[in-house]
PDB file of N, CA and C in Angstrom:
ATOM      1  N   UNK A   1      10.428   9.883  -0.002  1.00  0.00           N
ATOM      2  CA  UNK A   1       9.951  10.922  -0.893  1.00  0.00           C
ATOM      3  C   UNK A   1       9.109  10.271  -1.996  1.00  0.00           C
ATOM      4  N   UNK A   2       7.998  10.878  -2.312  1.00  0.00           N
ATOM      5  CA  UNK A   2       7.091  10.338  -3.326  1.00  0.00           C
ATOM      6  C   UNK A   2       7.351  11.002  -4.670  1.00  0.00           C
ATOM      7  N   UNK A   3       6.820  10.378  -5.727  1.00  0.00           N
ATOM      8  CA  UNK A   3       6.938  10.929  -7.077  1.00  0.00           C
ATOM      9  C   UNK A   3       6.231  12.285  -7.142  1.00  0.00           C
ATOM     10  N   UNK A   4       6.746  13.180  -7.963  1.00  0.00           N
ATOM     11  CA  UNK A   4       6.218  14.543  -8.028  1.00  0.00           C
ATOM     12  C   UNK A   4       4.805  14.625  -8.593  1.00  0.00           C
ATOM     13  N   UNK A   5       4.374  13.632  -9.373  1.00  0.00           N
ATOM     14  CA  UNK A   5       3.038  13.673  -9.962  1.00  0.00           C
ATOM     15  C   UNK A   5       1.949  13.130  -9.035  1.00  0.00           C
ATOM     16  N   UNK A   6       2.308  12.737  -7.819  1.00  0.00           N
ATOM     17  CA  UNK A   6       1.342  12.204  -6.860  1.00  0.00           C
ATOM     18  C   UNK A   6       0.956  13.294  -5.867  1.00  0.00           C
ATOM     19  N   UNK A   7      -0.343  13.520  -5.728  1.00  0.00           N
ATOM     20  CA  UNK A   7      -0.853  14.537  -4.812  1.00  0.00           C
ATOM     21  C   UNK A   7      -0.748  14.015  -3.377  1.00  0.00           C
ATOM     22  N   UNK A   8       0.063  14.644  -2.535  1.00  0.00           N
ATOM     23  CA  UNK A   8       0.261  14.144  -1.172  1.00  0.00           C
ATOM     24  C   UNK A   8      -0.996  14.213  -0.303  1.00  0.00           C
ATOM     25  N   UNK A   9      -1.968  15.017  -0.684  1.00  0.00           N
ATOM     26  CA  UNK A   9      -3.199  15.128   0.101  1.00  0.00           C
ATOM     27  C   UNK A   9      -4.016  13.837   0.062  1.00  0.00           C
ATOM     28  N   UNK A  10      -3.841  13.041  -0.998  1.00  0.00           N
ATOM     29  CA  UNK A  10      -4.613  11.808  -1.158  1.00  0.00           C
ATOM     30  C   UNK A  10      -3.718  10.574  -1.180  1.00  0.00           C
ATOM     31  N   UNK A  11      -2.536  10.683  -0.635  1.00  0.00           N
ATOM     32  CA  UNK A  11      -1.555   9.608  -0.718  1.00  0.00           C
ATOM     33  C   UNK A  11      -1.153   9.124   0.665  1.00  0.00           C
ATOM     34  N   UNK A  12      -1.493   7.881   1.017  1.00  0.00           N
ATOM     35  CA  UNK A  12      -1.138   7.375   2.343  1.00  0.00           C
ATOM     36  C   UNK A  12       0.312   6.908   2.466  1.00  0.00           C
ATOM     37  N   UNK A  13       1.020   6.738   1.341  1.00  0.00           N
ATOM     38  CA  UNK A  13       2.384   6.218   1.410  1.00  0.00           C
ATOM     39  C   UNK A  13       3.394   7.325   1.667  1.00  0.00           C
ATOM     40  N   UNK A  14       4.433   6.995   2.434  1.00  0.00           N
ATOM     41  CA  UNK A  14       5.454   7.974   2.768  1.00  0.00           C
ATOM     42  C   UNK A  14       6.653   7.911   1.822  1.00  0.00           C
ATOM     43  N   UNK A  15       6.893   6.727   1.229  1.00  0.00           N
ATOM     44  CA  UNK A  15       8.012   6.553   0.306  1.00  0.00           C
ATOM     45  C   UNK A  15       7.538   5.753  -0.897  1.00  0.00           C
ATOM     46  N   UNK A  16       8.230   5.913  -2.019  1.00  0.00           N
ATOM     47  CA  UNK A  16       7.936   5.123  -3.206  1.00  0.00           C
ATOM     48  C   UNK A  16       8.261   3.660  -2.958  1.00  0.00           C
ATOM     49  N   UNK A  17       7.473   2.793  -3.545  1.00  0.00           N
ATOM     50  CA  UNK A  17       7.764   1.368  -3.530  1.00  0.00           C
ATOM     51  C   UNK A  17       8.450   1.066  -4.863  1.00  0.00           C
ATOM     52  N   UNK A  18       9.634   0.488  -4.821  1.00  0.00           N
ATOM     53  CA  UNK A  18      10.386   0.193  -6.042  1.00  0.00           C
ATOM     54  C   UNK A  18      10.948  -1.221  -5.976  1.00  0.00           C
ATOM     55  N   UNK A  19      11.617  -1.631  -7.025  1.00  0.00           N
ATOM     56  CA  UNK A  19      12.226  -2.961  -7.051  1.00  0.00           C
ATOM     57  C   UNK A  19      13.375  -3.071  -6.062  1.00  0.00           C
ATOM     58  N   UNK A  20      13.912  -1.948  -5.616  1.00  0.00           N
ATOM     59  CA  UNK A  20      14.977  -1.968  -4.611  1.00  0.00           C
ATOM     60  C   UNK A  20      14.500  -1.472  -3.245  1.00  0.00           C
ATOM     61  N   UNK A  21      13.373  -0.795  -3.204  1.00  0.00           N
ATOM     62  CA  UNK A  21      12.766  -0.314  -1.951  1.00  0.00           C
ATOM     63  C   UNK A  21      11.509  -1.141  -1.720  1.00  0.00           C
ATOM     64  N   UNK A  22      11.655  -2.306  -1.086  1.00  0.00           N
ATOM     65  CA  UNK A  22      10.562  -3.256  -0.907  1.00  0.00           C
ATOM     66  C   UNK A  22       9.775  -3.033   0.377  1.00  0.00           C
ATOM     67  N   UNK A  23      10.213  -2.093   1.192  1.00  0.00           N
ATOM     68  CA  UNK A  23       9.559  -1.802   2.476  1.00  0.00           C
ATOM     69  C   UNK A  23       8.477  -0.744   2.257  1.00  0.00           C
ATOM     70  N   UNK A  24       7.236  -1.118   2.525  1.00  0.00           N
ATOM     71  CA  UNK A  24       6.097  -0.207   2.395  1.00  0.00           C
ATOM     72  C   UNK A  24       5.862   0.437   3.749  1.00  0.00           C
ATOM     73  N   UNK A  25       5.726   1.752   3.742  1.00  0.00           N
ATOM     74  CA  UNK A  25       5.402   2.473   4.975  1.00  0.00           C
ATOM     75  C   UNK A  25       4.404   3.573   4.624  1.00  0.00           C
ATOM     76  N   UNK A  26       3.341   3.650   5.417  1.00  0.00           N
ATOM     77  CA  UNK A  26       2.314   4.645   5.146  1.00  0.00           C
ATOM     78  C   UNK A  26       1.460   4.913   6.360  1.00  0.00           C
ATOM     79  N   UNK A  27       0.449   5.755   6.148  1.00  0.00           N
ATOM     80  CA  UNK A  27      -0.458   6.149   7.232  1.00  0.00           C
ATOM     81  C   UNK A  27      -1.892   6.038   6.730  1.00  0.00           C
ATOM     82  N   UNK A  28      -2.734   5.433   7.556  1.00  0.00           N
ATOM     83  CA  UNK A  28      -4.155   5.286   7.252  1.00  0.00           C
ATOM     84  C   UNK A  28      -4.901   5.493   8.569  1.00  0.00           C
ATOM     85  N   UNK A  29      -6.155   5.145   8.643  1.00  0.00           N
ATOM     86  CA  UNK A  29      -6.941   5.326   9.864  1.00  0.00           C
ATOM     87  C   UNK A  29      -6.333   4.519  11.015  1.00  0.00           C
ATOM     88  N   UNK A  30      -6.239   5.115  12.197  1.00  0.00           N
ATOM     89  CA  UNK A  30      -5.678   4.406  13.360  1.00  0.00           C
ATOM     90  C   UNK A  30      -6.454   3.138  13.711  1.00  0.00           C
ATOM     91  N   UNK A  31      -5.717   2.137  14.180  1.00  0.00           N
ATOM     92  CA  UNK A  31      -6.304   0.869  14.638  1.00  0.00           C
ATOM     93  C   UNK A  31      -7.286   0.267  13.633  1.00  0.00           C
ATOM     94  N   UNK A  32      -6.903   0.239  12.369  1.00  0.00           N
ATOM     95  CA  UNK A  32      -7.769  -0.354  11.349  1.00  0.00           C
ATOM     96  C   UNK A  32      -7.017  -1.444  10.598  1.00  0.00           C
ATOM     97  N   UNK A  33      -7.775  -2.347  10.000  1.00  0.00           N
ATOM     98  CA  UNK A  33      -7.186  -3.432   9.220  1.00  0.00           C
ATOM     99  C   UNK A  33      -7.251  -3.047   7.744  1.00  0.00           C
ATOM    100  N   UNK A  34      -6.092  -3.102   7.081  1.00  0.00           N
ATOM    101  CA  UNK A  34      -6.046  -2.862   5.646  1.00  0.00           C
ATOM    102  C   UNK A  34      -5.488  -4.112   4.979  1.00  0.00           C
ATOM    103  N   UNK A  35      -5.716  -4.208   3.681  1.00  0.00           N
ATOM    104  CA  UNK A  35      -5.305  -5.372   2.917  1.00  0.00           C
ATOM    105  C   UNK A  35      -4.423  -4.929   1.756  1.00  0.00           C
ATOM    106  N   UNK A  36      -3.354  -5.685   1.537  1.00  0.00           N
ATOM    107  CA  UNK A  36      -2.422  -5.401   0.448  1.00  0.00           C
ATOM    108  C   UNK A  36      -2.404  -6.611  -0.470  1.00  0.00           C
ATOM    109  N   UNK A  37      -2.459  -6.370  -1.775  1.00  0.00           N
ATOM    110  CA  UNK A  37      -2.323  -7.470  -2.726  1.00  0.00           C
ATOM    111  C   UNK A  37      -1.388  -7.042  -3.854  1.00  0.00           C
ATOM    112  N   UNK A  38      -0.742  -8.010  -4.436  1.00  0.00           N
ATOM    113  CA  UNK A  38       0.180  -7.783  -5.542  1.00  0.00           C
ATOM    114  C   UNK A  38      -0.430  -8.386  -6.796  1.00  0.00           C
ATOM    115  N   UNK A  39      -0.619  -7.555  -7.811  1.00  0.00           N
ATOM    116  CA  UNK A  39      -1.172  -7.996  -9.102  1.00  0.00           C
ATOM    117  C   UNK A  39      -2.485  -8.766  -8.938  1.00  0.00           C
ATOM    118  N   UNK A  40      -3.359  -8.242  -8.092  1.00  0.00           N
ATOM    119  CA  UNK A  40      -4.681  -8.832  -7.823  1.00  0.00           C
ATOM    120  C   UNK A  40      -4.603 -10.260  -7.301  1.00  0.00           C
ATOM    121  N   UNK A  41      -3.521 -10.571  -6.618  1.00  0.00           N
ATOM    122  CA  UNK A  41      -3.361 -11.893  -6.014  1.00  0.00           C
ATOM    123  C   UNK A  41      -3.959 -11.936  -4.625  1.00  0.00           C
ATOM    124  N   UNK A  42      -3.420 -12.808  -3.818  1.00  0.00           N
ATOM    125  CA  UNK A  42      -3.891 -12.999  -2.447  1.00  0.00           C
ATOM    126  C   UNK A  42      -3.772 -11.706  -1.637  1.00  0.00           C
ATOM    127  N   UNK A  43      -4.764 -11.439  -0.795  1.00  0.00           N
ATOM    128  CA  UNK A  43      -4.747 -10.267   0.081  1.00  0.00           C
ATOM    129  C   UNK A  43      -4.061 -10.602   1.398  1.00  0.00           C
ATOM    130  N   UNK A  44      -3.174  -9.727   1.820  1.00  0.00           N
ATOM    131  CA  UNK A  44      -2.500  -9.853   3.110  1.00  0.00           C
ATOM    132  C   UNK A  44      -3.012  -8.746   4.005  1.00  0.00           C
ATOM    133  N   UNK A  45      -3.440  -9.094   5.210  1.00  0.00           N
ATOM    134  CA  UNK A  45      -3.973  -8.079   6.113  1.00  0.00           C
ATOM    135  C   UNK A  45      -2.868  -7.568   7.035  1.00  0.00           C
ATOM    136  N   UNK A  46      -2.938  -6.280   7.301  1.00  0.00           N
ATOM    137  CA  UNK A  46      -2.066  -5.654   8.290  1.00  0.00           C
ATOM    138  C   UNK A  46      -2.927  -4.683   9.090  1.00  0.00           C
ATOM    139  N   UNK A  47      -2.525  -4.429  10.311  1.00  0.00           N
ATOM    140  CA  UNK A  47      -3.277  -3.535  11.186  1.00  0.00           C
ATOM    141  C   UNK A  47      -2.444  -2.283  11.426  1.00  0.00           C
ATOM    142  N   UNK A  48      -3.089  -1.135  11.289  1.00  0.00           N
ATOM    143  CA  UNK A  48      -2.397   0.122  11.569  1.00  0.00           C
ATOM    144  C   UNK A  48      -2.278   0.296  13.080  1.00  0.00           C
ATOM    145  N   UNK A  49      -1.275   1.059  13.499  1.00  0.00           N
ATOM    146  CA  UNK A  49      -1.101   1.271  14.939  1.00  0.00           C
ATOM    147  C   UNK A  49      -1.989   2.413  15.421  1.00  0.00           C
ATOM    148  N   UNK A  50      -1.808   2.816  16.650  1.00  0.00           N
ATOM    149  CA  UNK A  50      -2.642   3.858  17.263  1.00  0.00           C
ATOM    150  C   UNK A  50      -2.544   5.199  16.533  1.00  0.00           C
ATOM    151  N   UNK A  51      -1.434   5.430  15.844  1.00  0.00           N
ATOM    152  CA  UNK A  51      -1.269   6.653  15.057  1.00  0.00           C
ATOM    153  C   UNK A  51      -1.608   6.478  13.592  1.00  0.00           C
ATOM    154  N   UNK A  52      -1.977   5.256  13.179  1.00  0.00           N
ATOM    155  CA  UNK A  52      -2.350   4.991  11.793  1.00  0.00           C
ATOM    156  C   UNK A  52      -1.206   4.472  10.929  1.00  0.00           C
ATOM    157  N   UNK A  53      -0.026   4.300  11.505  1.00  0.00           N
ATOM    158  CA  UNK A  53       1.131   3.839  10.740  1.00  0.00           C
ATOM    159  C   UNK A  53       0.989   2.370  10.375  1.00  0.00           C
ATOM    160  N   UNK A  54       1.361   2.034   9.130  1.00  0.00           N
ATOM    161  CA  UNK A  54       1.424   0.636   8.723  1.00  0.00           C
ATOM    162  C   UNK A  54       2.703   0.393   7.949  1.00  0.00           C
ATOM    163  N   UNK A  55       3.184  -0.852   8.021  1.00  0.00           N
ATOM    164  CA  UNK A  55       4.404  -1.251   7.318  1.00  0.00           C
ATOM    165  C   UNK A  55       4.234  -2.658   6.781  1.00  0.00           C
ATOM    166  N   UNK A  56       4.888  -2.922   5.652  1.00  0.00           N
ATOM    167  CA  UNK A  56       4.846  -4.241   5.032  1.00  0.00           C
ATOM    168  C   UNK A  56       6.102  -4.398   4.185  1.00  0.00           C
ATOM    169  N   UNK A  57       6.633  -5.618   4.117  1.00  0.00           N
ATOM    170  CA  UNK A  57       7.812  -5.904   3.305  1.00  0.00           C
ATOM    171  C   UNK A  57       7.483  -6.923   2.221  1.00  0.00           C
ATOM    172  N   UNK A  58       7.787  -6.566   0.988  1.00  0.00           N
ATOM    173  CA  UNK A  58       7.664  -7.511  -0.119  1.00  0.00           C
ATOM    174  C   UNK A  58       8.965  -8.275  -0.273  1.00  0.00           C
ATOM    175  N   UNK A  59       8.882  -9.489  -0.796  1.00  0.00           N
ATOM    176  CA  UNK A  59      10.091 -10.267  -1.050  1.00  0.00           C
ATOM    177  C   UNK A  59      10.767  -9.814  -2.340  1.00  0.00           C
ATOM    178  N   UNK A  60       9.954  -9.527  -3.363  1.00  0.00           N
ATOM    179  CA  UNK A  60      10.483  -9.000  -4.612  1.00  0.00           C
ATOM    180  C   UNK A  60       9.372  -8.306  -5.384  1.00  0.00           C
ATOM    181  N   UNK A  61       9.763  -7.348  -6.192  1.00  0.00           N
ATOM    182  CA  UNK A  61       8.839  -6.619  -7.063  1.00  0.00           C
ATOM    183  C   UNK A  61       9.504  -6.419  -8.414  1.00  0.00           C
ATOM    184  N   UNK A  62       8.669  -6.244  -9.438  1.00  0.00           N
ATOM    185  CA  UNK A  62       9.166  -6.008 -10.790  1.00  0.00           C
ATOM    186  C   UNK A  62       8.490  -4.766 -11.356  1.00  0.00           C
ATOM    187  N   UNK A  63       9.181  -4.081 -12.251  1.00  0.00           N
ATOM    188  CA  UNK A  63       8.596  -2.917 -12.915  1.00  0.00           C
ATOM    189  C   UNK A  63       7.306  -3.363 -13.600  1.00  0.00           C
ATOM    190  N   UNK A  64       6.239  -2.604 -13.378  1.00  0.00           N
ATOM    191  CA  UNK A  64       4.936  -2.927 -13.949  1.00  0.00           C
ATOM    192  C   UNK A  64       4.006  -3.638 -12.985  1.00  0.00           C
ATOM    193  N   UNK A  65       4.527  -4.158 -11.872  1.00  0.00           N
ATOM    194  CA  UNK A  65       3.664  -4.768 -10.855  1.00  0.00           C
ATOM    195  C   UNK A  65       2.713  -3.712 -10.297  1.00  0.00           C
ATOM    196  N   UNK A  66       1.551  -4.156  -9.868  1.00  0.00           N
ATOM    197  CA  UNK A  66       0.561  -3.271  -9.257  1.00  0.00           C
ATOM    198  C   UNK A  66       0.315  -3.732  -7.820  1.00  0.00           C
ATOM    199  N   UNK A  67       0.539  -2.828  -6.882  1.00  0.00           N
ATOM    200  CA  UNK A  67       0.264  -3.087  -5.470  1.00  0.00           C
ATOM    201  C   UNK A  67      -1.046  -2.371  -5.140  1.00  0.00           C
ATOM    202  N   UNK A  68      -2.001  -3.123  -4.615  1.00  0.00           N
ATOM    203  CA  UNK A  68      -3.319  -2.583  -4.300  1.00  0.00           C
ATOM    204  C   UNK A  68      -3.515  -2.553  -2.787  1.00  0.00           C
ATOM    205  N   UNK A  69      -4.002  -1.424  -2.293  1.00  0.00           N
ATOM    206  CA  UNK A  69      -4.313  -1.240  -0.877  1.00  0.00           C
ATOM    207  C   UNK A  69      -5.829  -1.116  -0.753  1.00  0.00           C
ATOM    208  N   UNK A  70      -6.422  -1.922   0.121  1.00  0.00           N
ATOM    209  CA  UNK A  70      -7.882  -1.975   0.236  1.00  0.00           C
ATOM    210  C   UNK A  70      -8.324  -2.055   1.685  1.00  0.00           C
ATOM    211  N   UNK A  71      -9.605  -1.800   1.878  1.00  0.00           N
ATOM    212  CA  UNK A  71     -10.290  -2.092   3.135  1.00  0.00           C
ATOM    213  C   UNK A  71     -11.420  -3.047   2.799  1.00  0.00           C
ATOM    214  N   UNK A  72     -11.814  -3.838   3.756  1.00  0.00           N
ATOM    215  CA  UNK A  72     -12.872  -4.813   3.505  1.00  0.00           C
ATOM    216  C   UNK A  72     -14.217  -4.218   3.887  1.00  0.00           C
ATOM    217  N   UNK A  73     -15.175  -4.372   2.986  1.00  0.00           N
ATOM    218  CA  UNK A  73     -16.533  -3.892   3.186  1.00  0.00           C
ATOM    219  C   UNK A  73     -17.448  -5.090   2.966  1.00  0.00           C
ATOM    220  N   UNK A  74     -17.834  -5.758   4.052  1.00  0.00           N
ATOM    221  CA  UNK A  74     -18.576  -7.017   3.923  1.00  0.00           C
ATOM    222  C   UNK A  74     -17.646  -8.073   3.359  1.00  0.00           C
ATOM    223  N   UNK A  75     -18.004  -8.626   2.208  1.00  0.00           N
ATOM    224  CA  UNK A  75     -17.140  -9.617   1.564  1.00  0.00           C
ATOM    225  C   UNK A  75     -16.352  -9.012   0.397  1.00  0.00           C
ATOM    226  N   UNK A  76     -16.487  -7.704   0.195  1.00  0.00           N
ATOM    227  CA  UNK A  76     -15.787  -7.020  -0.903  1.00  0.00           C
ATOM    228  C   UNK A  76     -14.579  -6.244  -0.391  1.00  0.00           C
ATOM    229  N   UNK A  77     -13.610  -6.074  -1.267  1.00  0.00           N
ATOM    230  CA  UNK A  77     -12.441  -5.253  -0.972  1.00  0.00           C
ATOM    231  C   UNK A  77     -12.590  -3.927  -1.719  1.00  0.00           C
ATOM    232  N   UNK A  78     -12.609  -2.827  -0.976  1.00  0.00           N
ATOM    233  CA  UNK A  78     -12.706  -1.491  -1.571  1.00  0.00           C
ATOM    234  C   UNK A  78     -11.310  -0.891  -1.641  1.00  0.00           C
ATOM    235  N   UNK A  79     -10.833  -0.668  -2.849  1.00  0.00           N
ATOM    236  CA  UNK A  79      -9.488  -0.157  -3.068  1.00  0.00           C
ATOM    237  C   UNK A  79      -9.417   1.325  -2.751  1.00  0.00           C
ATOM    238  N   UNK A  80      -8.409   1.719  -1.967  1.00  0.00           N
ATOM    239  CA  UNK A  80      -8.187   3.141  -1.724  1.00  0.00           C
ATOM    240  C   UNK A  80      -6.892   3.630  -2.361  1.00  0.00           C
ATOM    241  N   UNK A  81      -6.048   2.713  -2.851  1.00  0.00           N
ATOM    242  CA  UNK A  81      -4.824   3.111  -3.549  1.00  0.00           C
ATOM    243  C   UNK A  81      -4.311   1.959  -4.393  1.00  0.00           C
ATOM    244  N   UNK A  82      -3.899   2.295  -5.620  1.00  0.00           N
ATOM    245  CA  UNK A  82      -3.170   1.359  -6.475  1.00  0.00           C
ATOM    246  C   UNK A  82      -1.840   2.002  -6.810  1.00  0.00           C
ATOM    247  N   UNK A  83      -0.785   1.290  -6.533  1.00  0.00           N
ATOM    248  CA  UNK A  83       0.567   1.795  -6.766  1.00  0.00           C
ATOM    249  C   UNK A  83       1.225   0.948  -7.850  1.00  0.00           C
ATOM    250  N   UNK A  84       1.606   1.582  -8.944  1.00  0.00           N
ATOM    251  CA  UNK A  84       2.312   0.897 -10.019  1.00  0.00           C
ATOM    252  C   UNK A  84       3.812   1.013  -9.763  1.00  0.00           C
ATOM    253  N   UNK A  85       4.511  -0.110  -9.849  1.00  0.00           N
ATOM    254  CA  UNK A  85       5.957  -0.109  -9.636  1.00  0.00           C
ATOM    255  C   UNK A  85       6.611   0.456 -10.888  1.00  0.00           C
ATOM    256  N   UNK A  86       7.273   1.595 -10.748  1.00  0.00           N
ATOM    257  CA  UNK A  86       7.850   2.322 -11.873  1.00  0.00           C
ATOM    258  C   UNK A  86       9.333   2.059 -12.093  1.00  0.00           C
ATOM    259  N   UNK A  87      10.017   1.726 -11.024  1.00  0.00           N
ATOM    260  CA  UNK A  87      11.475   1.533 -11.143  1.00  0.00           C
ATOM    261  C   UNK A  87      11.969   0.461 -10.210  1.00  0.00           C
TER     262      UNK A  87
END
């Protein structure tokens, strides 16, 4: 379940990411490569499946961390979602 202030029409994540919920699960374009970074650090690539599902596990998160979801456009990363860790 997502936070009530987030519009589900523009939200690829299925559950909130928190300091105790480190498993990211969401939906994006099928068979595409997306990139996840924590606090503008190193980008980790993951590939969505045939239905667009993607999953990723963080080792740890802290309140105030920013998780960025991007796609690569040439040599640039275009952000499609920034998630602030609230709890």
